[in-house]
Amino acid sequence: MQDVPDQEGFWGKVSHRRWLRWSLGFLAWTALGVSFALSSYLGALQNGAHVSWKTTVFGYLSDFYAWGLLSPIVFRLAKRFDLRTNLLRQLFIHLGFSVFFSFVVLSAAAVVGWNFGYPNLARSPTFLIYFRNSALSIYYFHQGLTIYWATLAVAHALRYYRGLRAGEARAARLSAQLAQAQLQALKMQIHPHFLFNTLNSISALLHKDIETADRMIARLGDFLRLTLKRSDAQTVSFEQELEFLKCYLEIELTRFADRLTVETEAGPDALAVRVPNLILQPLVENAIRHGIARRTTAGRVAIRALIRQNRLIMQVEDNGPGLNAELNRQPEGGLGLRNTRARLEQFYGRDFRLDIADRADGGVIATVEIPADRAA
């Protein structure tokens, strides 16, 4: 029962916005018509001509109201034949439409002016002469062309402005999601359980391998420092993403000792591709936490990347118990994977793939496929 007021409120807001746009449009075209009429009237008075203000303003308002009714069509044509694509072809198309619409508006204005505008019968005794002096006048025809192209310019300016605002909103969403991913990465590392395991490993190493303990502390510092250093970067090269993962994996390699083996395979062409910052970290974390940590024997995590048909395919696989063997590990993933999918959707729309599935010989493989864009 509570949905009805929400729907009514939504449609009420839509109707209010529509009426507001139409009202503003009406006022704008009225102001333009009165302005042109006033300019023409004052010019005629300055030249000593006797003209009627009522007839003058009526004629101009007829023209501009007709253009106002046609303006939604011009806006649609601006979207359909965007001047930013194939400029020369689109210019010729709009030139044809401007000539056609100018003739239509002037013809309609001639009919309205002859019947309701008190035409000067001494100057235009018949409708055909009146039509020739108004609809076929070079002055009025040029005015019609000017109005069409001015409307077209406004339509393109509004489309550009809306695109800019949409881009800013998209960038803001990406920034928020990136910050969330960074905080999640830091939270994972600063989590009491992680700190306990890491510090416990360091404490044990201090009594038998000071050099390794020192290296582990250094890598932990490198990992946290690198995370903060890239806090403003939306995308990084895949090579930089691997550098980040290397800091994280070296800590895990020390913790798991001989129980963890890491393999990395990526060609030079894949290393140069831009990827969303921290995009693989949740996948690698899942592979270690749900795959390797569940094993009692040695485990393996493999990170691979290759280019295929101008697409970057990244894979993270482990030889853990698999999806079916662990109730808490589902194909749709937890918060980290859901966040990864949402970030990919913001970056690439529907032009990406994120799958997680069991491997044929045991374990899980997570696959991310995105466009192979090398631009910064």
Protein backbone atom coordinates (compact mmCIF):
# COMPACT_ATOMS: atom_id res chain seq x y z
CA MET A 1 0.00 0.00 0.00
CA GLN A 2 2.97 2.30 0.45
CA ASP A 3 4.05 2.00 -3.18
CA VAL A 4 1.17 4.08 -4.54
CA PRO A 5 2.20 7.42 -3.01
CA ASP A 6 5.77 6.81 -4.19
CA GLN A 7 4.59 6.21 -7.74
CA GLU A 8 2.30 9.20 -7.64
CA GLY A 9 5.15 11.32 -6.31
CA PHE A 10 7.47 10.08 -9.04
CA TRP A 11 5.02 10.78 -11.86
CA GLY A 12 4.14 14.10 -10.25
CA LYS A 13 7.82 15.10 -10.34
CA VAL A 14 8.14 13.99 -13.97
CA SER A 15 5.03 15.97 -14.94
CA HIS A 16 6.28 18.99 -13.01
CA ARG A 17 9.64 18.90 -14.81
CA ARG A 18 7.93 18.54 -18.18
CA TRP A 19 5.66 21.52 -17.55
CA LEU A 20 8.62 23.52 -16.27
CA ARG A 21 10.57 22.82 -19.47
CA TRP A 22 7.60 23.75 -21.66
CA SER A 23 7.01 26.94 -19.66
CA LEU A 24 10.64 27.98 -19.88
CA GLY A 25 10.63 27.21 -23.60
CA PHE A 26 7.50 29.27 -24.15
CA LEU A 27 8.99 32.22 -22.28
CA ALA A 28 12.26 31.94 -24.19
CA TRP A 29 10.61 31.90 -27.63
CA THR A 30 8.26 34.72 -26.59
CA ALA A 31 11.20 36.83 -25.44
CA LEU A 32 13.03 36.20 -28.73
CA GLY A 33 9.95 37.07 -30.80
CA VAL A 34 9.29 40.30 -28.89
CA SER A 35 12.97 41.24 -29.06
CA PHE A 36 13.15 40.77 -32.84
CA ALA A 37 9.83 42.58 -33.27
CA LEU A 38 11.03 45.53 -31.20
CA SER A 39 14.26 45.75 -33.18
CA SER A 40 12.38 45.70 -36.49
CA TYR A 41 9.80 48.21 -35.26
CA LEU A 42 12.39 50.69 -33.99
CA GLY A 43 14.39 50.32 -37.18
CA ALA A 44 11.31 51.11 -39.29
CA LEU A 45 10.52 54.18 -37.18
CA GLN A 46 14.10 55.39 -37.52
CA ASN A 47 13.81 55.13 -41.30
CA GLY A 48 10.55 57.09 -41.29
CA ALA A 49 8.31 54.14 -42.14
CA HIS A 50 4.85 53.90 -40.61
CA VAL A 51 4.36 50.40 -39.24
CA SER A 52 1.96 48.88 -36.76
CA TRP A 53 3.51 47.53 -33.56
CA LYS A 54 0.65 45.04 -33.23
CA THR A 55 1.17 43.67 -36.74
CA THR A 56 4.94 43.55 -36.28
CA VAL A 57 4.91 41.67 -32.98
CA PHE A 58 2.16 39.34 -34.24
CA GLY A 59 4.23 38.39 -37.27
CA TYR A 60 7.40 37.72 -35.32
CA LEU A 61 5.63 35.78 -32.58
CA SER A 62 3.98 33.61 -35.24
CA ASP A 63 7.42 32.76 -36.63
CA PHE A 64 9.08 32.10 -33.30
CA TYR A 65 6.21 30.08 -31.86
CA ALA A 66 6.33 27.90 -34.97
CA TRP A 67 10.07 27.42 -34.42
CA GLY A 68 9.35 26.65 -30.77
CA LEU A 69 7.00 23.84 -31.80
CA LEU A 70 9.65 22.49 -34.16
CA SER A 71 12.52 22.81 -31.67
CA PRO A 72 12.01 19.29 -30.15
CA ILE A 73 12.42 17.88 -33.66
CA VAL A 74 15.60 19.93 -34.16
CA PHE A 75 16.91 18.58 -30.84
CA ARG A 76 16.25 15.03 -32.01
CA LEU A 77 17.97 15.73 -35.30
CA ALA A 78 20.95 17.12 -33.38
CA LYS A 79 21.20 13.80 -31.54
CA ARG A 80 20.62 11.69 -34.66
CA PHE A 81 23.06 13.64 -36.86
CA ASP A 82 25.70 14.68 -34.34
CA LEU A 83 28.15 17.18 -35.84
CA ARG A 84 30.98 15.60 -33.85
CA THR A 85 30.79 12.52 -36.08
CA ASN A 86 31.41 12.79 -39.83
CA LEU A 87 31.21 16.61 -39.76
CA LEU A 88 30.95 17.28 -43.50
CA ARG A 89 28.13 14.78 -44.07
CA GLN A 90 26.16 15.98 -41.05
CA LEU A 91 26.54 19.63 -42.11
CA PHE A 92 24.95 18.91 -45.48
CA ILE A 93 22.12 16.99 -43.81
CA HIS A 94 21.38 19.85 -41.39
CA LEU A 95 21.63 22.35 -44.23
CA GLY A 96 18.85 20.50 -46.02
CA PHE A 97 16.72 20.36 -42.88
CA SER A 98 17.29 24.06 -42.19
CA VAL A 99 16.08 25.02 -45.69
CA PHE A 100 13.05 22.72 -45.42
CA PHE A 101 12.04 23.89 -41.92
CA SER A 102 12.53 27.54 -42.85
CA PHE A 103 10.18 27.12 -45.80
CA VAL A 104 7.61 25.27 -43.66
CA VAL A 105 7.67 27.91 -40.90
CA LEU A 106 7.48 30.85 -43.31
CA SER A 107 4.63 29.22 -45.22
CA ALA A 108 2.68 28.58 -42.03
CA ALA A 109 3.40 32.12 -40.82
CA ALA A 110 2.18 33.51 -44.17
CA VAL A 111 -1.14 31.67 -43.83
CA VAL A 112 -1.57 32.87 -40.24
CA GLY A 113 -0.52 36.41 -41.09
CA TRP A 114 -2.88 36.67 -44.07
CA ASN A 115 -5.88 35.47 -42.06
CA PHE A 116 -5.19 37.05 -38.66
CA GLY A 117 -2.33 39.48 -38.98
CA TYR A 118 -3.97 42.45 -40.71
CA PRO A 119 -1.75 42.42 -43.84
CA ASN A 120 -1.00 45.61 -45.76
CA LEU A 121 -3.40 45.19 -48.68
CA ALA A 122 -1.88 48.14 -50.53
CA ARG A 123 1.46 46.33 -50.62
CA SER A 124 0.08 42.79 -50.83
CA PRO A 125 -3.36 42.83 -52.49
CA THR A 126 -3.51 39.03 -52.91
CA PHE A 127 -2.37 36.04 -50.85
CA LEU A 128 0.13 34.95 -53.53
CA ILE A 129 1.82 38.37 -53.46
CA TYR A 130 1.74 38.34 -49.66
CA PHE A 131 3.23 34.81 -49.69
CA ARG A 132 5.98 35.94 -52.07
CA ASN A 133 6.79 38.99 -49.95
CA SER A 134 6.96 36.96 -46.70
CA ALA A 135 7.61 33.25 -47.18
CA LEU A 136 9.90 33.76 -50.20
CA SER A 137 11.64 36.84 -48.87
CA ILE A 138 15.43 36.47 -48.70
CA TYR A 139 15.46 38.44 -45.42
CA TYR A 140 12.95 36.20 -43.66
CA PHE A 141 14.45 33.06 -45.19
CA HIS A 142 17.87 34.02 -43.87
CA GLN A 143 16.29 34.66 -40.49
CA GLY A 144 14.78 31.18 -40.52
CA LEU A 145 18.13 29.60 -41.34
CA THR A 146 19.73 31.55 -38.50
CA ILE A 147 17.10 30.37 -36.03
CA TYR A 148 17.53 26.72 -37.09
CA TRP A 149 21.32 26.79 -36.71
CA ALA A 150 21.10 28.69 -33.42
CA THR A 151 18.67 26.05 -32.11
CA LEU A 152 21.02 23.33 -33.34
CA ALA A 153 23.93 24.98 -31.52
CA VAL A 154 21.90 25.14 -28.30
CA ALA A 155 20.97 21.46 -28.68
CA HIS A 156 24.62 20.45 -29.09
CA ALA A 157 25.66 22.65 -26.17
CA LEU A 158 23.03 21.04 -23.90
CA ARG A 159 24.06 17.55 -25.02
CA TYR A 160 27.70 18.37 -24.32
CA TYR A 161 26.80 19.79 -20.90
CA ARG A 162 24.71 16.75 -20.00
CA GLY A 163 27.51 14.46 -21.17
CA LEU A 164 29.98 16.42 -19.07
CA ARG A 165 27.74 16.15 -16.00
CA ALA A 166 27.25 12.44 -16.63
CA GLY A 167 31.02 12.01 -16.94
CA GLU A 168 31.56 13.89 -13.69
CA ALA A 169 28.96 11.73 -11.94
CA ARG A 170 30.59 8.59 -13.34
CA ALA A 171 34.03 9.78 -12.22
CA ALA A 172 32.63 10.48 -8.75
CA ARG A 173 31.19 6.96 -8.56
CA LEU A 174 34.49 5.47 -9.69
CA SER A 175 36.38 7.52 -7.10
CA ALA A 176 34.02 6.35 -4.37
CA GLN A 177 34.38 2.74 -5.44
CA LEU A 178 38.15 3.05 -5.68
CA ALA A 179 38.27 4.51 -2.19
CA GLN A 180 36.09 1.65 -0.99
CA ALA A 181 38.46 -0.87 -2.59
CA GLN A 182 41.47 0.82 -1.02
CA LEU A 183 39.84 0.87 2.40
CA GLN A 184 38.84 -2.76 1.96
CA ALA A 185 42.44 -3.66 1.08
CA LEU A 186 43.76 -1.78 4.10
CA LYS A 187 41.05 -3.27 6.29
CA MET A 188 42.04 -6.73 5.12
CA GLN A 189 45.66 -6.06 6.00
CA ILE A 190 44.97 -4.27 9.29
CA HIS A 191 42.38 -6.84 10.33
CA PRO A 192 43.27 -8.20 13.79
CA HIS A 193 43.40 -11.76 12.47
CA PHE A 194 45.80 -10.78 9.70
CA LEU A 195 47.93 -8.71 12.04
CA PHE A 196 48.01 -11.54 14.53
CA ASN A 197 49.22 -14.02 11.93
CA THR A 198 51.71 -11.59 10.42
CA LEU A 199 53.16 -10.44 13.74
CA ASN A 200 53.21 -14.02 15.01
CA SER A 201 55.23 -15.04 11.93
CA ILE A 202 57.58 -12.10 12.41
CA SER A 203 57.97 -12.93 16.11
CA ALA A 204 58.83 -16.55 15.33
CA LEU A 205 61.30 -15.52 12.64
CA LEU A 206 63.09 -13.08 14.96
CA HIS A 207 64.39 -16.04 16.97
CA LYS A 208 65.69 -18.04 14.04
CA ASP A 209 65.85 -15.88 10.87
CA ILE A 210 66.22 -12.17 11.57
CA GLU A 211 66.90 -11.36 7.93
CA THR A 212 63.63 -12.94 6.78
CA ALA A 213 61.67 -11.24 9.57
CA ASP A 214 63.17 -7.89 8.58
CA ARG A 215 62.25 -8.52 4.96
CA MET A 216 58.70 -9.39 5.94
CA ILE A 217 58.32 -6.15 7.90
CA ALA A 218 59.72 -4.21 4.95
CA ARG A 219 57.28 -5.83 2.52
CA LEU A 220 54.36 -5.09 4.83
CA GLY A 221 55.43 -1.45 4.91
CA ASP A 222 55.86 -1.43 1.12
CA PHE A 223 52.39 -2.87 0.65
CA LEU A 224 50.67 -0.27 2.84
CA ARG A 225 52.73 2.56 1.38
CA LEU A 226 51.98 1.49 -2.20
CA THR A 227 48.24 1.28 -1.44
CA LEU A 228 48.21 4.86 -0.15
CA LYS A 229 50.48 6.12 -2.93
CA ARG A 230 48.00 5.07 -5.60
CA SER A 231 44.96 6.40 -3.80
CA ASP A 232 44.19 8.89 -6.63
CA ALA A 233 44.80 6.56 -9.58
CA GLN A 234 41.69 5.16 -11.26
CA THR A 235 43.67 2.90 -13.56
CA VAL A 236 47.19 1.47 -13.57
CA SER A 237 49.11 -0.70 -15.98
CA PHE A 238 48.83 -4.43 -15.43
CA GLU A 239 52.53 -4.39 -14.62
CA GLN A 240 51.87 -1.98 -11.74
CA GLU A 241 48.97 -4.14 -10.57
CA LEU A 242 51.36 -7.10 -10.41
CA GLU A 243 53.84 -4.99 -8.46
CA PHE A 244 51.16 -4.30 -5.87
CA LEU A 245 50.20 -7.98 -5.70
CA LYS A 246 53.86 -8.93 -5.29
CA CYS A 247 54.05 -6.96 -2.03
CA TYR A 248 50.95 -8.70 -0.71
CA LEU A 249 52.01 -12.16 -1.89
CA GLU A 250 55.51 -11.93 -0.38
CA ILE A 251 53.89 -11.43 3.02
CA GLU A 252 51.65 -14.44 2.46
CA LEU A 253 54.57 -16.51 1.15
CA THR A 254 56.42 -15.85 4.39
CA ARG A 255 53.37 -16.76 6.46
CA PHE A 256 52.61 -19.99 4.63
CA ALA A 257 56.27 -20.86 3.99
CA ASP A 258 56.43 -24.08 1.92
CA ARG A 259 52.65 -24.42 1.86
CA LEU A 260 52.24 -21.73 -0.83
CA THR A 261 53.64 -21.45 -4.33
CA VAL A 262 52.87 -18.48 -6.59
CA GLU A 263 53.11 -18.52 -10.38
CA THR A 264 52.86 -15.39 -12.54
CA GLU A 265 52.58 -15.43 -16.31
CA ALA A 266 52.01 -12.31 -18.40
CA GLY A 267 53.42 -11.23 -21.77
CA PRO A 268 54.85 -7.76 -22.51
CA ASP A 269 51.70 -6.81 -24.44
CA ALA A 270 49.51 -7.65 -21.43
CA LEU A 271 51.74 -5.75 -18.98
CA ALA A 272 51.08 -2.46 -20.82
CA VAL A 273 47.27 -2.68 -20.66
CA ARG A 274 45.49 -0.31 -18.29
CA VAL A 275 43.35 -2.00 -15.63
CA PRO A 276 41.25 -0.62 -12.75
CA ASN A 277 43.42 -0.03 -9.70
CA LEU A 278 43.32 -2.90 -7.14
CA ILE A 279 41.08 -4.98 -9.40
CA LEU A 280 42.85 -8.32 -8.80
CA GLN A 281 43.53 -7.98 -5.08
CA PRO A 282 40.11 -9.35 -3.96
CA LEU A 283 40.49 -12.31 -6.32
CA VAL A 284 43.96 -13.18 -5.02
CA GLU A 285 42.80 -12.71 -1.43
CA ASN A 286 39.90 -15.13 -2.03
CA ALA A 287 42.22 -17.68 -3.60
CA ILE A 288 44.51 -17.68 -0.54
CA ARG A 289 41.88 -17.39 2.18
CA HIS A 290 39.35 -19.87 0.76
CA GLY A 291 41.69 -22.06 -1.26
CA ILE A 292 45.20 -22.33 0.14
CA ALA A 293 44.34 -21.76 3.81
CA ARG A 294 41.92 -24.71 3.67
CA ARG A 295 44.58 -27.13 2.51
CA THR A 296 46.78 -29.20 4.80
CA THR A 297 49.32 -29.75 2.04
CA ALA A 298 51.16 -27.41 -0.30
CA GLY A 299 48.97 -25.11 -2.36
CA ARG A 300 49.43 -23.08 -5.52
CA VAL A 301 48.11 -19.73 -6.74
CA ALA A 302 48.60 -18.80 -10.40
CA ILE A 303 48.09 -15.33 -11.89
CA ARG A 304 47.96 -15.19 -15.68
CA ALA A 305 47.22 -12.53 -18.29
CA LEU A 306 47.05 -12.69 -22.05
CA ILE A 307 45.77 -10.67 -25.00
CA ARG A 308 43.21 -12.32 -27.25
CA GLN A 309 41.37 -10.43 -30.02
CA ASN A 310 42.16 -7.07 -28.44
CA ARG A 311 40.82 -8.25 -25.07
CA LEU A 312 42.81 -8.64 -21.85
CA ILE A 313 42.04 -11.89 -20.08
CA MET A 314 43.23 -12.09 -16.46
CA GLN A 315 42.95 -15.28 -14.44
CA VAL A 316 43.57 -16.13 -10.79
CA GLU A 317 43.44 -19.84 -9.99
CA ASP A 318 44.17 -22.02 -6.96
CA ASN A 319 44.22 -25.72 -6.22
CA GLY A 320 42.10 -25.48 -3.08
CA PRO A 321 38.96 -27.46 -2.23
CA GLY A 322 36.83 -25.69 -4.85
CA LEU A 323 33.40 -24.07 -4.75
CA ASN A 324 31.37 -27.20 -4.14
CA ALA A 325 33.58 -28.33 -1.25
CA GLU A 326 33.14 -25.09 0.73
CA LEU A 327 29.71 -23.83 1.67
CA ASN A 328 30.84 -20.23 2.18
CA ARG A 329 32.43 -19.91 -1.26
CA GLN A 330 29.79 -19.31 -3.93
CA PRO A 331 30.21 -18.38 -7.64
CA GLU A 332 28.62 -14.97 -7.11
CA GLY A 333 31.25 -14.24 -4.44
CA GLY A 334 31.20 -12.18 -1.27
CA LEU A 335 31.52 -8.46 -0.71
CA GLY A 336 34.94 -8.21 -2.37
CA LEU A 337 33.78 -9.90 -5.57
CA ARG A 338 30.52 -7.94 -5.67
CA ASN A 339 32.50 -4.73 -5.33
CA THR A 340 34.86 -5.86 -8.10
CA ARG A 341 31.94 -6.59 -10.41
CA ALA A 342 30.36 -3.20 -9.65
CA ARG A 343 33.63 -1.38 -10.39
CA LEU A 344 34.06 -3.24 -13.68
CA GLU A 345 30.51 -2.30 -14.65
CA GLN A 346 31.24 1.37 -13.95
CA PHE A 347 34.41 1.27 -16.04
CA TYR A 348 33.21 -0.82 -18.98
CA GLY A 349 29.40 -0.95 -18.83
CA ARG A 350 28.52 -4.42 -20.09
CA ASP A 351 31.75 -4.83 -22.02
CA PHE A 352 33.45 -7.09 -19.48
CA ARG A 353 33.28 -10.60 -18.04
CA LEU A 354 33.87 -11.79 -14.47
CA ASP A 355 33.47 -15.51 -13.82
CA ILE A 356 34.42 -17.77 -10.93
CA ALA A 357 34.16 -21.53 -11.37
CA ASP A 358 35.62 -24.86 -10.33
CA ARG A 359 38.66 -26.12 -12.24
CA ALA A 360 38.48 -29.52 -13.90
CA ASP A 361 41.43 -30.86 -11.88
CA GLY A 362 40.42 -29.24 -8.58
CA GLY A 363 40.44 -25.74 -7.19
CA VAL A 364 38.87 -22.54 -8.44
CA ILE A 365 39.61 -20.23 -11.36
CA ALA A 366 38.45 -16.60 -11.48
CA THR A 367 38.48 -14.92 -14.91
CA VAL A 368 38.26 -11.22 -15.74
CA GLU A 369 38.00 -10.11 -19.37
CA ILE A 370 38.13 -6.41 -20.32
CA PRO A 371 39.01 -4.30 -23.40
CA ALA A 372 42.78 -4.12 -23.93
CA ASP A 373 43.10 -0.34 -23.61
CA ARG A 374 46.66 0.92 -23.36
CA ALA A 375 45.73 4.60 -23.01
CA ALA A 376 46.48 6.37 -19.75
